[in-house]
N, C-alpha and C. Protein backbone atom coordinates (compact mmCIF):
# COMPACT_ATOMS: atom_id res chain seq x y z
N UNK A 1 27.35 178.61 37.39
CA UNK A 1 27.74 179.99 37.33
C UNK A 1 29.33 180.12 37.44
N UNK A 2 29.52 179.48 38.76
CA UNK A 2 30.67 179.37 39.25
C UNK A 2 31.87 178.44 38.57
N UNK A 3 31.27 177.57 38.43
CA UNK A 3 31.92 176.49 37.34
C UNK A 3 32.37 176.87 36.05
N UNK A 4 31.48 177.77 35.78
CA UNK A 4 31.71 178.71 34.22
C UNK A 4 32.72 179.37 34.23
N UNK A 5 32.98 180.16 35.29
CA UNK A 5 33.75 181.27 35.67
C UNK A 5 35.18 180.62 35.96
N UNK A 6 35.15 179.41 36.38
CA UNK A 6 36.27 178.60 36.79
C UNK A 6 36.78 177.89 35.57
N UNK A 7 36.10 177.71 34.67
CA UNK A 7 36.45 177.18 33.42
C UNK A 7 37.40 178.28 32.58
N UNK A 8 36.42 179.37 32.22
CA UNK A 8 37.06 180.59 31.96
C UNK A 8 38.21 181.14 32.77
N UNK A 9 38.63 181.15 34.07
CA UNK A 9 39.92 181.41 34.48
C UNK A 9 40.95 180.50 34.25
N UNK A 10 40.56 178.86 34.09
CA UNK A 10 41.58 178.01 33.51
C UNK A 10 41.94 178.31 32.11
N UNK A 11 41.19 178.79 31.31
CA UNK A 11 41.12 179.13 30.04
C UNK A 11 42.27 179.69 29.88
N UNK A 12 42.11 180.68 30.62
CA UNK A 12 42.77 181.90 30.40
C UNK A 12 44.34 182.18 31.07
N UNK A 13 44.38 180.86 32.03
CA UNK A 13 45.48 180.68 32.43
C UNK A 13 46.55 179.83 31.37
N UNK A 14 45.71 179.32 30.99
CA UNK A 14 46.30 178.16 29.77
C UNK A 14 46.95 179.04 28.86
N UNK A 15 45.96 179.75 28.35
CA UNK A 15 46.47 180.61 27.41
C UNK A 15 47.67 181.48 27.63
N UNK A 16 47.70 182.20 28.95
CA UNK A 16 49.05 182.97 29.18
C UNK A 16 50.07 182.00 29.01
N UNK A 17 50.28 180.53 29.89
CA UNK A 17 51.40 179.84 29.77
C UNK A 17 51.63 179.28 28.46
N UNK A 18 50.81 179.15 27.30
CA UNK A 18 51.27 179.23 25.78
C UNK A 18 52.01 180.45 25.36
N UNK A 19 51.27 181.48 25.62
CA UNK A 19 51.96 182.33 24.97
C UNK A 19 53.54 182.96 25.59
N UNK A 20 53.36 182.30 26.59
CA UNK A 20 55.13 182.35 27.38
C UNK A 20 55.89 181.02 27.06
N UNK A 21 55.13 180.27 26.32
CA UNK A 21 55.97 178.91 25.53
C UNK A 21 57.45 179.25 24.77
N UNK A 22 58.28 178.83 24.92
CA UNK A 22 59.54 179.20 24.24
C UNK A 22 60.17 177.57 24.03
N UNK A 23 60.65 177.78 22.80
CA UNK A 23 61.66 176.08 22.61
C UNK A 23 61.43 176.13 20.98
N UNK A 24 61.30 174.68 20.64
CA UNK A 24 61.52 174.54 19.35
C UNK A 24 59.72 174.57 18.80
N UNK A 25 59.01 174.33 20.02
CA UNK A 25 57.61 174.22 19.14
C UNK A 25 56.61 175.49 19.60
N UNK A 26 57.45 176.75 20.35
CA UNK A 26 56.83 177.89 21.10
C UNK A 26 56.81 178.79 20.08
N UNK A 27 56.78 180.15 20.77
CA UNK A 27 56.89 181.10 19.78
C UNK A 27 57.88 181.66 19.27
N UNK A 28 58.09 182.63 18.15
CA UNK A 28 59.47 182.89 17.55
C UNK A 28 60.29 184.00 18.31
N UNK A 29 59.37 184.66 19.09
CA UNK A 29 59.90 185.64 19.95
C UNK A 29 60.91 185.24 20.78
N UNK A 30 60.89 183.82 21.18
CA UNK A 30 61.81 183.53 22.14
C UNK A 30 63.15 183.46 21.77
N UNK A 31 63.53 183.45 20.40
CA UNK A 31 64.89 183.09 19.71
C UNK A 31 65.52 184.43 20.19
N UNK A 32 66.77 184.10 20.52
CA UNK A 32 67.91 185.40 20.95
C UNK A 32 68.38 185.72 19.91
N UNK A 33 68.11 187.18 19.51
CA UNK A 33 68.61 187.84 18.16
C UNK A 33 70.24 187.83 18.36
N UNK A 34 70.69 187.96 19.22
CA UNK A 34 72.31 187.93 19.30
C UNK A 34 73.07 186.67 19.22
N UNK A 35 72.34 185.62 19.45
CA UNK A 35 73.09 184.46 19.75
C UNK A 35 73.03 183.37 18.13
N UNK A 36 73.84 182.58 17.91
CA UNK A 36 73.85 181.64 16.87
C UNK A 36 72.76 180.80 17.01
N UNK A 37 72.03 180.40 16.39
CA UNK A 37 71.13 179.23 16.79
C UNK A 37 70.94 178.48 15.07
N UNK A 38 70.69 177.15 14.89
CA UNK A 38 70.22 176.62 14.01
C UNK A 38 68.71 175.84 14.35
N UNK A 39 67.94 175.61 13.15
CA UNK A 39 66.86 175.36 13.61
C UNK A 39 66.38 174.38 12.30
N UNK A 40 65.32 173.51 12.99
CA UNK A 40 65.02 172.53 12.02
C UNK A 40 63.09 171.99 12.08
N UNK A 41 62.61 171.85 11.17
CA UNK A 41 61.47 171.45 11.34
C UNK A 41 60.98 170.16 11.61
N UNK A 42 59.90 170.55 12.39
CA UNK A 42 59.62 169.13 12.97
C UNK A 42 57.69 169.27 12.88
N UNK A 43 56.99 168.11 12.63
CA UNK A 43 55.58 168.34 12.47
C UNK A 43 54.90 168.39 13.87
N UNK A 44 55.39 168.12 14.82
CA UNK A 44 54.49 167.67 15.90
C UNK A 44 55.60 167.22 17.34
N UNK A 45 54.95 166.94 17.94
CA UNK A 45 56.06 166.39 19.57
C UNK A 45 56.28 165.35 19.17
N UNK A 46 55.36 164.44 18.48
CA UNK A 46 55.72 163.07 18.38
C UNK A 46 57.03 162.95 17.43
N UNK A 47 56.88 163.84 16.10
CA UNK A 47 58.07 163.64 15.24
C UNK A 47 59.38 164.16 15.88
N UNK A 48 59.13 165.05 17.00
CA UNK A 48 60.58 165.59 17.59
C UNK A 48 61.28 164.31 18.16
N UNK A 49 60.35 163.97 19.01
CA UNK A 49 60.51 162.68 20.31
C UNK A 49 61.20 161.96 19.15
N UNK A 50 60.76 161.25 17.83
CA UNK A 50 60.84 160.46 16.98
C UNK A 50 62.57 160.81 16.80
N UNK A 51 62.82 161.88 16.53
CA UNK A 51 64.17 162.67 16.06
C UNK A 51 65.47 162.22 16.86
N UNK A 52 64.68 162.30 18.42
CA UNK A 52 65.63 162.57 19.44
C UNK A 52 65.82 161.17 19.51
N UNK A 53 64.87 160.23 19.80
CA UNK A 53 65.12 158.93 19.78
C UNK A 53 66.33 158.29 19.08
N UNK A 54 65.91 158.48 17.76
CA UNK A 54 67.03 158.25 16.50
C UNK A 54 68.36 158.81 16.80
N UNK A 55 68.47 159.74 16.91
CA UNK A 55 69.63 160.35 17.30
C UNK A 55 70.57 159.73 18.91
N UNK A 56 69.64 159.07 20.06
CA UNK A 56 70.07 158.21 20.81
C UNK A 56 70.38 157.14 20.43
N UNK A 57 69.71 156.48 19.58
CA UNK A 57 69.94 154.84 18.88
C UNK A 57 71.50 155.25 18.38
N UNK A 58 71.50 155.79 17.66
CA UNK A 58 72.98 156.04 16.87
C UNK A 58 73.84 155.93 18.01
N UNK A 59 73.84 156.95 19.08
CA UNK A 59 74.94 157.03 20.26
C UNK A 59 74.90 155.49 20.66
N UNK A 60 74.08 154.75 20.85
CA UNK A 60 74.24 153.15 21.14
C UNK A 60 74.74 152.50 20.29
N UNK A 61 74.25 152.69 19.49
CA UNK A 61 75.10 151.70 18.27
C UNK A 61 76.50 152.00 17.89
N UNK A 62 76.68 153.52 17.95
CA UNK A 62 78.46 153.76 17.62
C UNK A 62 79.03 153.52 18.93
N UNK A 63 78.48 153.20 20.15
CA UNK A 63 79.39 152.64 21.49
C UNK A 63 79.33 151.33 21.56
N UNK A 64 78.62 150.57 20.93
CA UNK A 64 78.39 148.87 21.04
C UNK A 64 79.25 148.37 19.77
N UNK A 65 78.86 149.47 18.47
CA UNK A 65 79.21 148.55 17.43
C UNK A 65 80.99 148.76 17.41
N UNK A 66 81.48 147.59 16.56
CA UNK A 66 83.07 147.38 16.15
C UNK A 66 83.46 148.06 15.14
N UNK A 67 83.02 148.64 14.50
CA UNK A 67 83.52 149.49 13.34
C UNK A 67 83.64 150.88 13.75
N UNK A 68 84.29 151.60 13.14
CA UNK A 68 84.86 153.16 13.21
C UNK A 68 83.83 153.55 12.25
N UNK A 69 82.89 154.76 12.86
CA UNK A 69 81.94 155.19 12.24
C UNK A 69 82.34 156.79 11.95
N UNK A 70 83.37 157.00 11.62
CA UNK A 70 83.68 158.42 11.39
C UNK A 70 84.23 158.98 10.09
N UNK A 71 84.14 159.85 9.75
CA UNK A 71 84.12 160.59 8.85
C UNK A 71 85.51 160.48 8.12
N UNK A 72 85.98 160.19 7.02
CA UNK A 72 87.75 159.72 6.76
C UNK A 72 88.27 161.10 7.06
N UNK A 73 87.59 162.19 6.73
CA UNK A 73 88.27 163.60 6.90
C UNK A 73 88.76 163.99 8.33
N UNK A 74 87.84 163.51 9.23
CA UNK A 74 87.62 163.76 10.59
C UNK A 74 88.68 162.46 11.31
N UNK A 75 89.36 161.73 11.02
CA UNK A 75 90.17 160.58 11.75
C UNK A 75 90.62 160.86 12.98
N UNK A 76 91.07 162.42 12.95
CA UNK A 76 91.76 162.56 14.32
C UNK A 76 90.57 162.70 16.27
N UNK A 77 89.08 162.84 15.42
CA UNK A 77 88.27 162.30 16.59
C UNK A 77 88.03 161.07 16.84
N UNK A 78 87.81 160.68 18.47
CA UNK A 78 87.46 159.49 18.51
C UNK A 78 86.15 159.09 18.51
N UNK A 79 85.38 157.90 18.26
CA UNK A 79 84.03 157.50 18.55
C UNK A 79 83.29 158.15 19.60
N UNK A 80 83.83 157.98 20.89
CA UNK A 80 83.41 158.66 21.90
C UNK A 80 83.29 160.30 21.78
N UNK A 81 84.40 160.88 21.37
CA UNK A 81 84.19 162.56 21.17
C UNK A 81 82.84 162.94 20.37
N UNK A 82 82.78 161.75 19.00
CA UNK A 82 81.27 162.00 18.13
C UNK A 82 80.17 161.64 18.73
N UNK A 83 80.03 160.59 19.65
CA UNK A 83 79.04 160.43 20.53
C UNK A 83 78.62 161.67 21.53
N UNK A 84 79.80 162.17 22.11
CA UNK A 84 79.46 163.29 23.10
C UNK A 84 78.85 164.54 22.41
N UNK A 85 79.28 164.79 21.15
CA UNK A 85 78.72 165.86 20.58
C UNK A 85 77.22 165.51 20.05
N UNK A 86 77.18 164.41 19.74
CA UNK A 86 75.34 164.21 19.39
C UNK A 86 74.57 164.30 20.64
N UNK A 87 74.98 163.86 21.80
CA UNK A 87 74.32 163.67 23.19
C UNK A 87 74.05 165.25 23.44
N UNK A 88 75.03 166.00 23.16
CA UNK A 88 74.94 167.69 23.42
C UNK A 88 73.91 168.07 22.69
N UNK A 89 73.59 167.79 21.12
CA UNK A 89 72.99 167.97 20.63
C UNK A 89 71.32 167.77 21.07
N UNK A 90 71.38 166.47 21.43
CA UNK A 90 69.90 166.02 22.03
C UNK A 90 69.56 166.72 23.02
N UNK A 91 70.59 167.30 24.01
CA UNK A 91 70.11 168.00 25.13
C UNK A 91 69.71 169.05 24.78
N UNK A 92 70.10 169.90 23.83
CA UNK A 92 69.75 171.28 23.61
C UNK A 92 68.43 171.15 22.85
N UNK A 93 68.00 170.26 22.27
CA UNK A 93 66.98 169.84 21.25
C UNK A 93 65.33 169.16 22.21
N UNK A 94 65.90 169.03 23.38
CA UNK A 94 64.97 168.49 24.24
C UNK A 94 63.75 169.44 24.46
N UNK A 95 62.69 169.12 24.27
CA UNK A 95 61.29 170.06 24.50
C UNK A 95 61.03 170.39 26.10
N UNK A 96 61.80 170.78 26.69
CA UNK A 96 61.75 171.51 28.02
C UNK A 96 60.48 172.13 28.20
N UNK A 97 60.10 173.22 27.56
CA UNK A 97 59.50 174.25 27.70
C UNK A 97 58.05 173.58 27.44
N UNK A 98 58.25 172.46 26.50
CA UNK A 98 56.66 171.96 25.93
C UNK A 98 56.46 170.89 27.05
N UNK A 99 57.20 170.28 27.58
CA UNK A 99 56.93 169.33 28.89
C UNK A 99 56.45 169.86 30.32
N UNK A 100 57.12 171.40 30.36
CA UNK A 100 56.55 172.14 31.12
C UNK A 100 55.15 172.55 30.96
N UNK A 101 54.89 173.42 29.90
CA UNK A 101 53.64 173.38 29.44
C UNK A 101 52.36 172.41 29.45
N UNK A 102 52.92 171.17 29.25
CA UNK A 102 52.10 169.86 29.33
C UNK A 102 51.83 169.67 30.58
N UNK A 103 52.79 169.49 31.39
CA UNK A 103 52.62 169.23 32.87
C UNK A 103 51.85 170.27 33.78
N UNK A 104 51.95 171.81 33.08
CA UNK A 104 50.66 172.64 33.90
C UNK A 104 49.53 172.72 33.34
N UNK A 105 49.19 172.14 32.16
CA UNK A 105 48.16 172.27 31.30
C UNK A 105 47.30 171.00 32.13
N UNK A 106 48.24 169.84 32.76
CA UNK A 106 47.45 168.70 33.11
C UNK A 106 46.80 168.92 34.32
N UNK A 107 47.87 169.79 35.18
CA UNK A 107 47.36 170.26 36.78
C UNK A 107 46.48 171.09 36.58
N UNK A 108 46.32 172.10 35.54
CA UNK A 108 45.09 172.97 35.77
C UNK A 108 43.89 172.32 35.26
N UNK A 109 43.80 171.53 34.22
CA UNK A 109 42.68 170.72 33.71
C UNK A 109 42.19 169.47 34.49
N UNK A 110 43.22 169.33 35.59
CA UNK A 110 42.54 168.20 37.06
C UNK A 110 42.21 168.94 37.81
N UNK A 111 42.85 169.91 38.19
CA UNK A 111 41.96 170.73 39.16
C UNK A 111 40.26 171.26 38.78
N UNK A 112 40.22 171.53 37.67
CA UNK A 112 39.35 171.84 37.24
C UNK A 112 38.18 170.54 37.25
N UNK A 113 38.59 169.32 36.82
CA UNK A 113 37.84 168.46 36.59
C UNK A 113 37.74 167.94 38.23
N UNK A 114 38.44 167.95 39.01
CA UNK A 114 38.14 167.71 40.49
C UNK A 114 36.91 168.56 41.06
N UNK A 115 36.86 169.65 40.60
CA UNK A 115 36.02 170.67 41.25
C UNK A 115 34.32 170.77 40.81
N UNK A 116 34.31 169.53 39.54
CA UNK A 116 33.18 169.20 38.85
C UNK A 116 32.67 168.03 39.92
């Protein structure tokens, strides 16, 4: 009986964590209505990570490559400035909230598993 109560309590804690989840894959009430934001669709966390990896690979290629990768109308910007902007974008879309949620989920499930 005690094990069942502990499982129920753990599930309630997980549901509470999930309801407070914010970020790309979180709830929509976390979006600041006063701020400007851009959204894009991802299928799941794996798709999001693939997108982030691709952006980082483009940065590496841009810094290692010999050619200029600038749009002709934007010749005043340096390659480094363009990479900095992409890296800032990557930082803004990192799934911090999801990773925090997954860490807490793992912690709670591990505690439950160890008590059995």
